[in-house]
C-alpha atoms as a PDB file:
ATOM      1  CA  UNK A   1      89.025 143.288  86.169  1.00  0.00           C
ATOM      2  CA  UNK A   2      86.823 140.289  86.921  1.00  0.00           C
ATOM      3  CA  UNK A   3      84.267 140.815  89.679  1.00  0.00           C
ATOM      4  CA  UNK A   4      84.848 138.696  92.798  1.00  0.00           C
ATOM      5  CA  UNK A   5      82.407 135.871  93.360  1.00  0.00           C
ATOM      6  CA  UNK A   6      80.078 135.981  96.344  1.00  0.00           C
ATOM      7  CA  UNK A   7      81.884 135.528  99.603  1.00  0.00           C
ATOM      8  CA  UNK A   8      85.368 136.426  98.325  1.00  0.00           C
ATOM      9  CA  UNK A   9      86.552 139.453 100.225  1.00  0.00           C
ATOM     10  CA  UNK A  10      89.088 141.405  98.146  1.00  0.00           C
ATOM     11  CA  UNK A  11      90.250 144.356 100.225  1.00  0.00           C
ATOM     12  CA  UNK A  12      91.173 147.503  98.312  1.00  0.00           C
ATOM     13  CA  UNK A  13      94.482 148.323  99.904  1.00  0.00           C
ATOM     14  CA  UNK A  14      95.327 152.002  99.622  1.00  0.00           C
ATOM     15  CA  UNK A  15      98.927 153.042 100.215  1.00  0.00           C
ATOM     16  CA  UNK A  16      99.357 153.734 103.886  1.00  0.00           C
ATOM     17  CA  UNK A  17     102.108 153.776 106.477  1.00  0.00           C
ATOM     18  CA  UNK A  18     103.012 150.360 107.700  1.00  0.00           C
ATOM     19  CA  UNK A  19     101.818 149.861 111.276  1.00  0.00           C
ATOM     20  CA  UNK A  20     104.575 149.228 113.756  1.00  0.00           C
ATOM     21  CA  UNK A  21     104.537 145.719 115.296  1.00  0.00           C
ATOM     22  CA  UNK A  22     103.370 145.646 118.856  1.00  0.00           C
ATOM     23  CA  UNK A  23     105.860 143.091 120.037  1.00  0.00           C
ATOM     24  CA  UNK A  24     109.645 143.241 119.749  1.00  0.00           C
ATOM     25  CA  UNK A  25     109.918 139.524 118.982  1.00  0.00           C
ATOM     26  CA  UNK A  26     107.574 139.792 116.005  1.00  0.00           C
ATOM     27  CA  UNK A  27     109.329 142.944 114.783  1.00  0.00           C
ATOM     28  CA  UNK A  28     112.749 141.320 114.924  1.00  0.00           C
ATOM     29  CA  UNK A  29     111.585 138.145 113.205  1.00  0.00           C
ATOM     30  CA  UNK A  30     109.810 140.108 110.510  1.00  0.00           C
ATOM     31  CA  UNK A  31     112.810 142.376 109.949  1.00  0.00           C
ATOM     32  CA  UNK A  32     115.152 139.411 109.680  1.00  0.00           C
ATOM     33  CA  UNK A  33     112.827 137.738 107.207  1.00  0.00           C
ATOM     34  CA  UNK A  34     112.517 140.875 105.071  1.00  0.00           C
ATOM     35  CA  UNK A  35     116.264 141.493 105.040  1.00  0.00           C
ATOM     36  CA  UNK A  36     116.972 137.923 104.001  1.00  0.00           C
ATOM     37  CA  UNK A  37     114.397 137.894 101.217  1.00  0.00           C
ATOM     38  CA  UNK A  38     115.432 141.349 100.013  1.00  0.00           C
ATOM     39  CA  UNK A  39     118.941 140.043  99.699  1.00  0.00           C
ATOM     40  CA  UNK A  40     117.730 137.189  97.505  1.00  0.00           C
ATOM     41  CA  UNK A  41     115.689 139.636  95.429  1.00  0.00           C
ATOM     42  CA  UNK A  42     118.699 141.915  94.833  1.00  0.00           C
ATOM     43  CA  UNK A  43     120.834 138.929  93.918  1.00  0.00           C
ATOM     44  CA  UNK A  44     118.182 137.644  91.494  1.00  0.00           C
ATOM     45  CA  UNK A  45     118.247 140.908  89.536  1.00  0.00           C
ATOM     46  CA  UNK A  46     121.630 139.854  88.181  1.00  0.00           C
ATOM     47  CA  UNK A  47     120.238 136.728  86.593  1.00  0.00           C
ATOM     48  CA  UNK A  48     117.539 137.962  84.194  1.00  0.00           C
ATOM     49  CA  UNK A  49     115.213 136.773  82.640  1.00  0.00           C
ATOM     50  CA  UNK A  50     114.509 134.713  85.783  1.00  0.00           C
ATOM     51  CA  UNK A  51     114.548 137.657  88.154  1.00  0.00           C
ATOM     52  CA  UNK A  52     110.863 138.540  87.828  1.00  0.00           C
ATOM     53  CA  UNK A  53     109.726 134.955  88.380  1.00  0.00           C
ATOM     54  CA  UNK A  54     112.034 134.551  91.363  1.00  0.00           C
ATOM     55  CA  UNK A  55     110.862 137.819  92.920  1.00  0.00           C
ATOM     56  CA  UNK A  56     107.249 136.676  92.594  1.00  0.00           C
ATOM     57  CA  UNK A  57     108.106 133.437  94.365  1.00  0.00           C
ATOM     58  CA  UNK A  58     109.925 135.308  97.113  1.00  0.00           C
ATOM     59  CA  UNK A  59     106.839 137.459  97.576  1.00  0.00           C
ATOM     60  CA  UNK A  60     104.787 134.319  98.215  1.00  0.00           C
ATOM     61  CA  UNK A  61     107.389 133.014 100.650  1.00  0.00           C
ATOM     62  CA  UNK A  62     107.472 136.335 102.457  1.00  0.00           C
ATOM     63  CA  UNK A  63     103.669 136.444 102.746  1.00  0.00           C
ATOM     64  CA  UNK A  64     103.478 132.817 103.946  1.00  0.00           C
ATOM     65  CA  UNK A  65     106.162 133.375 106.564  1.00  0.00           C
ATOM     66  CA  UNK A  66     104.528 136.570 107.811  1.00  0.00           C
ATOM     67  CA  UNK A  67     101.207 134.766 108.191  1.00  0.00           C
ATOM     68  CA  UNK A  68     102.900 132.044 110.207  1.00  0.00           C
ATOM     69  CA  UNK A  69     104.604 134.663 112.351  1.00  0.00           C
ATOM     70  CA  UNK A  70     101.298 136.477 112.838  1.00  0.00           C
ATOM     71  CA  UNK A  71     102.583 139.723 111.352  1.00  0.00           C
ATOM     72  CA  UNK A  72     100.675 139.638 108.037  1.00  0.00           C
ATOM     73  CA  UNK A  73      97.961 142.238 107.474  1.00  0.00           C
ATOM     74  CA  UNK A  74      94.627 141.984 105.637  1.00  0.00           C
ATOM     75  CA  UNK A  75      94.826 138.317 104.684  1.00  0.00           C
ATOM     76  CA  UNK A  76      92.313 137.649 101.906  1.00  0.00           C
ATOM     77  CA  UNK A  77      89.435 135.516 103.143  1.00  0.00           C
ATOM     78  CA  UNK A  78      87.992 132.593 101.203  1.00  0.00           C
ATOM     79  CA  UNK A  79      84.228 132.102 100.784  1.00  0.00           C
ATOM     80  CA  UNK A  80      82.531 130.013 103.460  1.00  0.00           C
ATOM     81  CA  UNK A  81      81.166 127.698 100.764  1.00  0.00           C
ATOM     82  CA  UNK A  82      84.726 127.102  99.589  1.00  0.00           C
ATOM     83  CA  UNK A  83      85.943 126.319 103.109  1.00  0.00           C
ATOM     84  CA  UNK A  84      83.025 123.921 103.646  1.00  0.00           C
ATOM     85  CA  UNK A  85      83.877 122.146 100.397  1.00  0.00           C
ATOM     86  CA  UNK A  86      87.486 121.805 101.574  1.00  0.00           C
ATOM     87  CA  UNK A  87      86.343 120.018 104.726  1.00  0.00           C
ATOM     88  CA  UNK A  88      84.072 117.677 102.772  1.00  0.00           C
ATOM     89  CA  UNK A  89      86.702 116.802 100.163  1.00  0.00           C
ATOM     90  CA  UNK A  90      89.246 116.135 102.928  1.00  0.00           C
ATOM     91  CA  UNK A  91      86.767 113.810 104.637  1.00  0.00           C
ATOM     92  CA  UNK A  92      86.057 111.989 101.371  1.00  0.00           C
ATOM     93  CA  UNK A  93      89.749 111.533 100.659  1.00  0.00           C
ATOM     94  CA  UNK A  94      90.397 110.250 104.189  1.00  0.00           C
ATOM     95  CA  UNK A  95      87.568 107.711 103.988  1.00  0.00           C
ATOM     96  CA  UNK A  96      88.632 106.432 100.573  1.00  0.00           C
ATOM     97  CA  UNK A  97      92.270 106.201 101.634  1.00  0.00           C
ATOM     98  CA  UNK A  98      91.505 104.354 104.867  1.00  0.00           C
ATOM     99  CA  UNK A  99      89.184 101.887 103.121  1.00  0.00           C
ATOM    100  CA  UNK A 100      91.867 101.184 100.550  1.00  0.00           C
ATOM    101  CA  UNK A 101      94.514 100.660 103.220  1.00  0.00           C
ATOM    102  CA  UNK A 102      92.455  97.767 104.588  1.00  0.00           C
ATOM    103  CA  UNK A 103      91.022  96.387 101.354  1.00  0.00           C
ATOM    104  CA  UNK A 104      94.505  96.151  99.827  1.00  0.00           C
ATOM    105  CA  UNK A 105      94.727  92.982 101.914  1.00  0.00           C
ATOM    106  CA  UNK A 106      92.728  91.266  99.181  1.00  0.00           C
ATOM    107  CA  UNK A 107      95.570  91.895  96.717  1.00  0.00           C
ATOM    108  CA  UNK A 108      97.359  88.944  98.303  1.00  0.00           C
ATOM    109  CA  UNK A 109      95.102  85.913  98.734  1.00  0.00           C
ATOM    110  CA  UNK A 110      97.494  84.428 101.292  1.00  0.00           C
ATOM    111  CA  UNK A 111      96.470  87.013 103.904  1.00  0.00           C
ATOM    112  CA  UNK A 112      95.030  84.294 106.195  1.00  0.00           C
ATOM    113  CA  UNK A 113      97.623  81.621 105.437  1.00  0.00           C
ATOM    114  CA  UNK A 114      99.501  80.554 108.608  1.00  0.00           C
ATOM    115  CA  UNK A 115     103.148  81.419 108.142  1.00  0.00           C
ATOM    116  CA  UNK A 116     104.244  78.502 110.297  1.00  0.00           C
ATOM    117  CA  UNK A 117     102.897  75.918 107.846  1.00  0.00           C
ATOM    118  CA  UNK A 118     105.696  74.200 105.945  1.00  0.00           C
ATOM    119  CA  UNK A 119     104.616  73.187 102.462  1.00  0.00           C
ATOM    120  CA  UNK A 120     107.451  70.672 102.303  1.00  0.00           C
ATOM    121  CA  UNK A 121     105.854  68.755 105.177  1.00  0.00           C
ATOM    122  CA  UNK A 122     102.400  68.944 103.640  1.00  0.00           C
ATOM    123  CA  UNK A 123     103.708  67.462 100.418  1.00  0.00           C
ATOM    124  CA  UNK A 124     105.722  64.725 102.097  1.00  0.00           C
ATOM    125  CA  UNK A 125     102.979  62.103 101.844  1.00  0.00           C
ATOM    126  CA  UNK A 126     102.680  62.428  98.092  1.00  0.00           C
ATOM    127  CA  UNK A 127     106.454  62.434  97.660  1.00  0.00           C
ATOM    128  CA  UNK A 128     106.931  59.267  99.711  1.00  0.00           C
ATOM    129  CA  UNK A 129     104.107  57.551  97.845  1.00  0.00           C
ATOM    130  CA  UNK A 130     105.684  58.332  94.468  1.00  0.00           C
ATOM    131  CA  UNK A 131     109.070  57.063  95.630  1.00  0.00           C
ATOM    132  CA  UNK A 132     107.580  53.785  96.813  1.00  0.00           C
ATOM    133  CA  UNK A 133     105.804  53.319  93.510  1.00  0.00           C
ATOM    134  CA  UNK A 134     109.053  53.878  91.580  1.00  0.00           C
ATOM    135  CA  UNK A 135     110.922  51.398  93.754  1.00  0.00           C
ATOM    136  CA  UNK A 136     108.175  48.816  93.366  1.00  0.00           C
ATOM    137  CA  UNK A 137     108.272  49.003  89.581  1.00  0.00           C
ATOM    138  CA  UNK A 138     110.282  46.164  88.056  1.00  0.00           C
ATOM    139  CA  UNK A 139     111.749  48.344  85.360  1.00  0.00           C
ATOM    140  CA  UNK A 140     115.162  49.066  83.981  1.00  0.00           C
ATOM    141  CA  UNK A 141     117.077  52.149  85.000  1.00  0.00           C
ATOM    142  CA  UNK A 142     116.430  53.847  81.670  1.00  0.00           C
ATOM    143  CA  UNK A 143     112.682  53.174  81.893  1.00  0.00           C
ATOM    144  CA  UNK A 144     112.608  54.579  85.410  1.00  0.00           C
ATOM    145  CA  UNK A 145     114.452  57.687  84.232  1.00  0.00           C
ATOM    146  CA  UNK A 146     111.924  58.159  81.452  1.00  0.00           C
ATOM    147  CA  UNK A 147     109.082  57.823  83.973  1.00  0.00           C
ATOM    148  CA  UNK A 148     110.635  60.497  86.180  1.00  0.00           C
ATOM    149  CA  UNK A 149     111.259  62.786  83.220  1.00  0.00           C
ATOM    150  CA  UNK A 150     107.637  62.488  82.085  1.00  0.00           C
ATOM    151  CA  UNK A 151     106.266  63.434  85.514  1.00  0.00           C
ATOM    152  CA  UNK A 152     104.644  66.876  85.211  1.00  0.00           C
ATOM    153  CA  UNK A 153     106.028  69.663  87.334  1.00  0.00           C
ATOM    154  CA  UNK A 154     104.069  70.242  90.545  1.00  0.00           C
ATOM    155  CA  UNK A 155     101.410  72.932  90.303  1.00  0.00           C
ATOM    156  CA  UNK A 156     101.683  75.811  92.744  1.00  0.00           C
ATOM    157  CA  UNK A 157      98.990  75.254  95.353  1.00  0.00           C
ATOM    158  CA  UNK A 158      96.969  78.258  96.489  1.00  0.00           C
ATOM    159  CA  UNK A 159      98.229  79.454  99.861  1.00  0.00           C
ATOM    160  CA  UNK A 160      95.076  80.197 101.829  1.00  0.00           C
ATOM    161  CA  UNK A 161      93.882  78.846 105.155  1.00  0.00           C
ATOM    162  CA  UNK A 162      90.968  76.975 103.575  1.00  0.00           C
ATOM    163  CA  UNK A 163      93.154  75.454 100.869  1.00  0.00           C
ATOM    164  CA  UNK A 164      95.582  74.362 103.589  1.00  0.00           C
ATOM    165  CA  UNK A 165      92.754  72.690 105.526  1.00  0.00           C
ATOM    166  CA  UNK A 166      91.522  70.996 102.365  1.00  0.00           C
ATOM    167  CA  UNK A 167      94.995  69.648 101.587  1.00  0.00           C
ATOM    168  CA  UNK A 168      95.672  68.178 105.016  1.00  0.00           C
ATOM    169  CA  UNK A 169      92.150  66.694 105.143  1.00  0.00           C
ATOM    170  CA  UNK A 170      92.712  65.092 101.737  1.00  0.00           C
ATOM    171  CA  UNK A 171      96.060  63.675 102.829  1.00  0.00           C
ATOM    172  CA  UNK A 172      94.441  62.367 106.003  1.00  0.00           C
ATOM    173  CA  UNK A 173      91.739  60.698 103.932  1.00  0.00           C
ATOM    174  CA  UNK A 174      94.372  58.966 101.796  1.00  0.00           C
ATOM    175  CA  UNK A 175      96.345  57.856 104.857  1.00  0.00           C
ATOM    176  CA  UNK A 176      93.291  56.413 106.654  1.00  0.00           C
ATOM    177  CA  UNK A 177      91.545  55.134 103.543  1.00  0.00           C
ATOM    178  CA  UNK A 178      88.279  56.355 102.068  1.00  0.00           C
ATOM    179  CA  UNK A 179      86.701  53.004 102.926  1.00  0.00           C
ATOM    180  CA  UNK A 180      86.941  53.964 106.581  1.00  0.00           C
ATOM    181  CA  UNK A 181      84.210  56.244 108.006  1.00  0.00           C
ATOM    182  CA  UNK A 182      86.722  58.879 109.134  1.00  0.00           C
ATOM    183  CA  UNK A 183      88.472  58.688 105.765  1.00  0.00           C
ATOM    184  CA  UNK A 184      85.117  59.251 104.057  1.00  0.00           C
ATOM    185  CA  UNK A 185      84.312  62.220 106.306  1.00  0.00           C
ATOM    186  CA  UNK A 186      87.733  63.748 105.684  1.00  0.00           C
ATOM    187  CA  UNK A 187      87.362  63.267 101.936  1.00  0.00           C
ATOM    188  CA  UNK A 188      83.962  64.982 101.896  1.00  0.00           C
ATOM    189  CA  UNK A 189      85.278  67.831 104.046  1.00  0.00           C
ATOM    190  CA  UNK A 190      88.354  68.277 101.819  1.00  0.00           C
ATOM    191  CA  UNK A 191      86.272  68.355  98.652  1.00  0.00           C
ATOM    192  CA  UNK A 192      83.801  70.959  99.914  1.00  0.00           C
ATOM    193  CA  UNK A 193      86.422  73.076 101.683  1.00  0.00           C
ATOM    194  CA  UNK A 194      88.476  73.326  98.508  1.00  0.00           C
ATOM    195  CA  UNK A 195      85.418  74.617  96.646  1.00  0.00           C
ATOM    196  CA  UNK A 196      84.790  77.181  99.377  1.00  0.00           C
ATOM    197  CA  UNK A 197      88.459  78.183  99.215  1.00  0.00           C
ATOM    198  CA  UNK A 198      88.264  78.643  95.452  1.00  0.00           C
ATOM    199  CA  UNK A 199      85.170  80.821  95.913  1.00  0.00           C
ATOM    200  CA  UNK A 200      87.069  82.990  98.397  1.00  0.00           C
ATOM    201  CA  UNK A 201      89.914  83.475  95.945  1.00  0.00           C
ATOM    202  CA  UNK A 202      87.372  84.556  93.323  1.00  0.00           C
ATOM    203  CA  UNK A 203      85.957  87.047  95.827  1.00  0.00           C
ATOM    204  CA  UNK A 204      89.436  88.441  96.432  1.00  0.00           C
ATOM    205  CA  UNK A 205      89.997  88.903  92.704  1.00  0.00           C
ATOM    206  CA  UNK A 206      86.615  90.610  92.252  1.00  0.00           C
ATOM    207  CA  UNK A 207      87.266  93.023  95.117  1.00  0.00           C
ATOM    208  CA  UNK A 208      90.656  93.944  93.685  1.00  0.00           C
ATOM    209  CA  UNK A 209      89.196  94.610  90.239  1.00  0.00           C
ATOM    210  CA  UNK A 210      85.922  96.276  91.215  1.00  0.00           C
ATOM    211  CA  UNK A 211      86.866  98.067  94.430  1.00  0.00           C
ATOM    212  CA  UNK A 212      90.585  98.510  95.009  1.00  0.00           C
ATOM    213  CA  UNK A 213      91.540  99.613  91.513  1.00  0.00           C
ATOM    214  CA  UNK A 214      88.557 101.965  90.976  1.00  0.00           C
ATOM    215  CA  UNK A 215      89.045 103.595  94.389  1.00  0.00           C
ATOM    216  CA  UNK A 216      92.720 104.173  93.641  1.00  0.00           C
ATOM    217  CA  UNK A 217      91.752 105.641  90.270  1.00  0.00           C
ATOM    218  CA  UNK A 218      89.302 108.039  91.950  1.00  0.00           C
ATOM    219  CA  UNK A 219      91.969 109.155  94.427  1.00  0.00           C
ATOM    220  CA  UNK A 220      94.427 109.728  91.601  1.00  0.00           C
ATOM    221  CA  UNK A 221      91.978 111.548  89.315  1.00  0.00           C
ATOM    222  CA  UNK A 222      89.024 113.616  90.522  1.00  0.00           C
ATOM    223  CA  UNK A 223      90.133 113.964  94.150  1.00  0.00           C
ATOM    224  CA  UNK A 224      93.741 114.709  93.258  1.00  0.00           C
ATOM    225  CA  UNK A 225      92.616 117.287  90.675  1.00  0.00           C
ATOM    226  CA  UNK A 226      90.546 119.027  93.341  1.00  0.00           C
ATOM    227  CA  UNK A 227      93.493 119.027  95.764  1.00  0.00           C
ATOM    228  CA  UNK A 228      95.807 120.386  93.068  1.00  0.00           C
ATOM    229  CA  UNK A 229      93.335 123.207  92.359  1.00  0.00           C
ATOM    230  CA  UNK A 230      93.218 123.992  96.086  1.00  0.00           C
ATOM    231  CA  UNK A 231      96.998 124.225  96.225  1.00  0.00           C
ATOM    232  CA  UNK A 232      96.827 126.605  93.282  1.00  0.00           C
ATOM    233  CA  UNK A 233      94.306 128.780  95.160  1.00  0.00           C
ATOM    234  CA  UNK A 234      96.647 128.925  98.132  1.00  0.00           C
ATOM    235  CA  UNK A 235      99.566 129.938  95.919  1.00  0.00           C
ATOM    236  CA  UNK A 236      97.602 132.634  94.091  1.00  0.00           C
ATOM    237  CA  UNK A 237      96.125 133.924  97.353  1.00  0.00           C
ATOM    238  CA  UNK A 238      99.633 134.377  98.745  1.00  0.00           C
ATOM    239  CA  UNK A 239     100.615 136.237  95.575  1.00  0.00           C
ATOM    240  CA  UNK A 240      97.559 138.472  95.856  1.00  0.00           C
ATOM    241  CA  UNK A 241      98.262 139.387  99.460  1.00  0.00           C
ATOM    242  CA  UNK A 242     101.933 139.966  98.626  1.00  0.00           C
ATOM    243  CA  UNK A 243     100.844 142.363  95.852  1.00  0.00           C
ATOM    244  CA  UNK A 244      98.573 144.180  98.311  1.00  0.00           C
ATOM    245  CA  UNK A 245     101.443 144.534 100.761  1.00  0.00           C
ATOM    246  CA  UNK A 246     103.675 146.005  98.042  1.00  0.00           C
ATOM    247  CA  UNK A 247     100.862 148.371  97.028  1.00  0.00           C
ATOM    248  CA  UNK A 248     100.397 149.625 100.572  1.00  0.00           C
ATOM    249  CA  UNK A 249     104.099 150.390 100.908  1.00  0.00           C
ATOM    250  CA  UNK A 250     104.685 151.594  97.326  1.00  0.00           C
ATOM    251  CA  UNK A 251     106.288 154.961  96.646  1.00  0.00           C
ATOM    252  CA  UNK A 252     104.097 157.451  94.743  1.00  0.00           C
ATOM    253  CA  UNK A 253     105.831 156.807  91.416  1.00  0.00           C
ATOM    254  CA  UNK A 254     105.204 153.061  91.829  1.00  0.00           C
ATOM    255  CA  UNK A 255     101.640 153.311  93.112  1.00  0.00           C
ATOM    256  CA  UNK A 256      99.847 152.947  89.777  1.00  0.00           C
ATOM    257  CA  UNK A 257     101.935 149.955  88.688  1.00  0.00           C
ATOM    258  CA  UNK A 258     101.401 148.293  92.059  1.00  0.00           C
ATOM    259  CA  UNK A 259      97.646 148.883  91.806  1.00  0.00           C
ATOM    260  CA  UNK A 260      97.538 147.179  88.412  1.00  0.00           C
ATOM    261  CA  UNK A 261      99.430 144.209  89.883  1.00  0.00           C
ATOM    262  CA  UNK A 262      96.787 143.903  92.600  1.00  0.00           C
ATOM    263  CA  UNK A 263      93.967 143.966  90.056  1.00  0.00           C
ATOM    264  CA  UNK A 264      95.616 141.279  87.947  1.00  0.00           C
ATOM    265  CA  UNK A 265      96.220 139.138  91.026  1.00  0.00           C
ATOM    266  CA  UNK A 266      92.575 139.588  92.068  1.00  0.00           C
ATOM    267  CA  UNK A 267      91.401 138.341  88.665  1.00  0.00           C
ATOM    268  CA  UNK A 268      93.631 135.276  88.958  1.00  0.00           C
ATOM    269  CA  UNK A 269      92.456 134.613  92.501  1.00  0.00           C
ATOM    270  CA  UNK A 270      88.746 134.763  91.617  1.00  0.00           C
ATOM    271  CA  UNK A 271      89.287 132.431  88.635  1.00  0.00           C
ATOM    272  CA  UNK A 272      91.322 129.963  90.735  1.00  0.00           C
ATOM    273  CA  UNK A 273      88.673 129.853  93.491  1.00  0.00           C
ATOM    274  CA  UNK A 274      85.943 129.218  90.924  1.00  0.00           C
ATOM    275  CA  UNK A 275      87.915 126.405  89.287  1.00  0.00           C
ATOM    276  CA  UNK A 276      88.733 124.740  92.615  1.00  0.00           C
ATOM    277  CA  UNK A 277      85.113 125.049  93.742  1.00  0.00           C
ATOM    278  CA  UNK A 278      83.852 123.342  90.587  1.00  0.00           C
ATOM    279  CA  UNK A 279      86.415 120.539  90.842  1.00  0.00           C
ATOM    280  CA  UNK A 280      85.649 119.886  94.522  1.00  0.00           C
ATOM    281  CA  UNK A 281      81.906 119.763  93.770  1.00  0.00           C
ATOM    282  CA  UNK A 282      82.515 117.359  90.888  1.00  0.00           C
ATOM    283  CA  UNK A 283      84.582 115.058  93.101  1.00  0.00           C
ATOM    284  CA  UNK A 284      81.963 115.110  95.871  1.00  0.00           C
ATOM    285  CA  UNK A 285      79.094 114.447  93.453  1.00  0.00           C
ATOM    286  CA  UNK A 286      80.896 111.612  91.677  1.00  0.00           C
ATOM    287  CA  UNK A 287      78.740 108.444  92.053  1.00  0.00           C
ATOM    288  CA  UNK A 288      81.728 106.134  91.625  1.00  0.00           C
ATOM    289  CA  UNK A 289      82.309 105.573  95.400  1.00  0.00           C
ATOM    290  CA  UNK A 290      78.726 104.318  95.735  1.00  0.00           C
ATOM    291  CA  UNK A 291      79.240 101.897  92.853  1.00  0.00           C
ATOM    292  CA  UNK A 292      82.551 100.698  94.286  1.00  0.00           C
ATOM    293  CA  UNK A 293      81.008 100.047  97.703  1.00  0.00           C
ATOM    294  CA  UNK A 294      78.076  98.177  96.133  1.00  0.00           C
ATOM    295  CA  UNK A 295      80.514  96.009  94.148  1.00  0.00           C
ATOM    296  CA  UNK A 296      82.456  95.247  97.324  1.00  0.00           C
ATOM    297  CA  UNK A 297      79.326  94.075  99.110  1.00  0.00           C
ATOM    298  CA  UNK A 298      78.175  92.092  96.067  1.00  0.00           C
ATOM    299  CA  UNK A 299      81.486  90.219  95.940  1.00  0.00           C
ATOM    300  CA  UNK A 300      81.297  89.406  99.647  1.00  0.00           C
ATOM    301  CA  UNK A 301      77.668  88.357  99.370  1.00  0.00           C
ATOM    302  CA  UNK A 302      78.429  86.022  96.464  1.00  0.00           C
ATOM    303  CA  UNK A 303      81.214  84.349  98.425  1.00  0.00           C
ATOM    304  CA  UNK A 304      79.286  83.924 101.679  1.00  0.00           C
ATOM    305  CA  UNK A 305      76.221  82.644  99.819  1.00  0.00           C
ATOM    306  CA  UNK A 306      78.282  80.096  97.904  1.00  0.00           C
ATOM    307  CA  UNK A 307      80.075  79.071 101.098  1.00  0.00           C
ATOM    308  CA  UNK A 308      76.781  78.677 102.932  1.00  0.00           C
ATOM    309  CA  UNK A 309      75.285  76.537 100.144  1.00  0.00           C
ATOM    310  CA  UNK A 310      78.300  74.246 100.042  1.00  0.00           C
ATOM    311  CA  UNK A 311      78.631  73.867 103.806  1.00  0.00           C
ATOM    312  CA  UNK A 312      74.868  73.427 104.212  1.00  0.00           C
ATOM    313  CA  UNK A 313      75.083  70.364 101.968  1.00  0.00           C
ATOM    314  CA  UNK A 314      78.136  69.015 103.792  1.00  0.00           C
ATOM    315  CA  UNK A 315      76.945  69.451 107.374  1.00  0.00           C
ATOM    316  CA  UNK A 316      74.031  66.902 107.227  1.00  0.00           C
ATOM    317  CA  UNK A 317      76.287  64.267 105.643  1.00  0.00           C
ATOM    318  CA  UNK A 318      78.899  64.663 108.362  1.00  0.00           C
ATOM    319  CA  UNK A 319      76.157  64.628 111.022  1.00  0.00           C
ATOM    320  CA  UNK A 320      74.842  61.342 109.601  1.00  0.00           C
ATOM    321  CA  UNK A 321      78.298  59.746 109.656  1.00  0.00           C
ATOM    322  CA  UNK A 322      78.861  61.008 113.207  1.00  0.00           C
ATOM    323  CA  UNK A 323      75.499  59.677 114.477  1.00  0.00           C
ATOM    324  CA  UNK A 324      76.102  56.279 112.865  1.00  0.00           C
ATOM    325  CA  UNK A 325      79.572  55.963 114.371  1.00  0.00           C
ATOM    326  CA  UNK A 326      78.355  57.058 117.809  1.00  0.00           C
ATOM    327  CA  UNK A 327      75.600  54.440 117.666  1.00  0.00           C
ATOM    328  CA  UNK A 328      78.059  51.725 116.667  1.00  0.00           C
ATOM    329  CA  UNK A 329      80.402  52.793 119.457  1.00  0.00           C
ATOM    330  CA  UNK A 330      77.711  52.590 122.123  1.00  0.00           C
ATOM    331  CA  UNK A 331      76.444  49.220 120.903  1.00  0.00           C
ATOM    332  CA  UNK A 332      79.970  47.851 121.059  1.00  0.00           C
ATOM    333  CA  UNK A 333      80.155  48.843 124.726  1.00  0.00           C
ATOM    334  CA  UNK A 334      76.947  47.008 125.739  1.00  0.00           C
END
């Protein structure tokens, strides 16, 4: 039999009389549970070769229910190191999950696009302009049809707040005329804002590829493997304690067989705890979350730096136009 690792308390359960419950409610609940599960066990004996497997599962259910009812005896304790690792892995999983819940926003670049904006209205200016041009052309019907047929299909415009601002500023520039000061200012603003908007879309894509997807992979791989190993420990621990309970209540002719079952269950329990411990340590020591967080910040930094550079060039030009127009306005009032 494998020796238990440090901190795992495996109690040698000698056959002994079962202590009477101190409370009637617990005794009745426990008796009802045992009678029900015994009935399933007797029924399962008619359906070999599944009877042994089913009885083992019923033993786990019985042990779990007794622990919840507070009537279980000598529950096997887990090492303190193991319990500390459980808390740390739970915290890591919670942090990664919560970050991903928010950062999934970047999967859809339209997260800041006002829902009340109607694209049909934004595109009305261009549509009306094209219609006027067609009507003004002194062409035959067939030539006009060919012109319409050769018009390329409209390209889907990015739906972000900055792209929306750039589009309406560009349309305003066309309506006023770029020869006018306000038309010039709107044109410059539209041009720079579109570049900033494109940079933001690139940031979104980078965050999805270098943060969202890797974090999801980590949750689905190393962290999930650790959680699966922990569930296995819980299952085997229930089986071990169920074996101990059967050993304590075994008849003399069944005592040796029950003792061997306990030893086998102890070996499985020690091995399961060791495996889960190693997997939890591996998940906690994985440097991938640090890399993912650094990539997230790098993507944001690249966007904000590019946005600052572009807007820093635009701001003085708009200030110059504004100062000139204010001067002209005041002189006209003298």
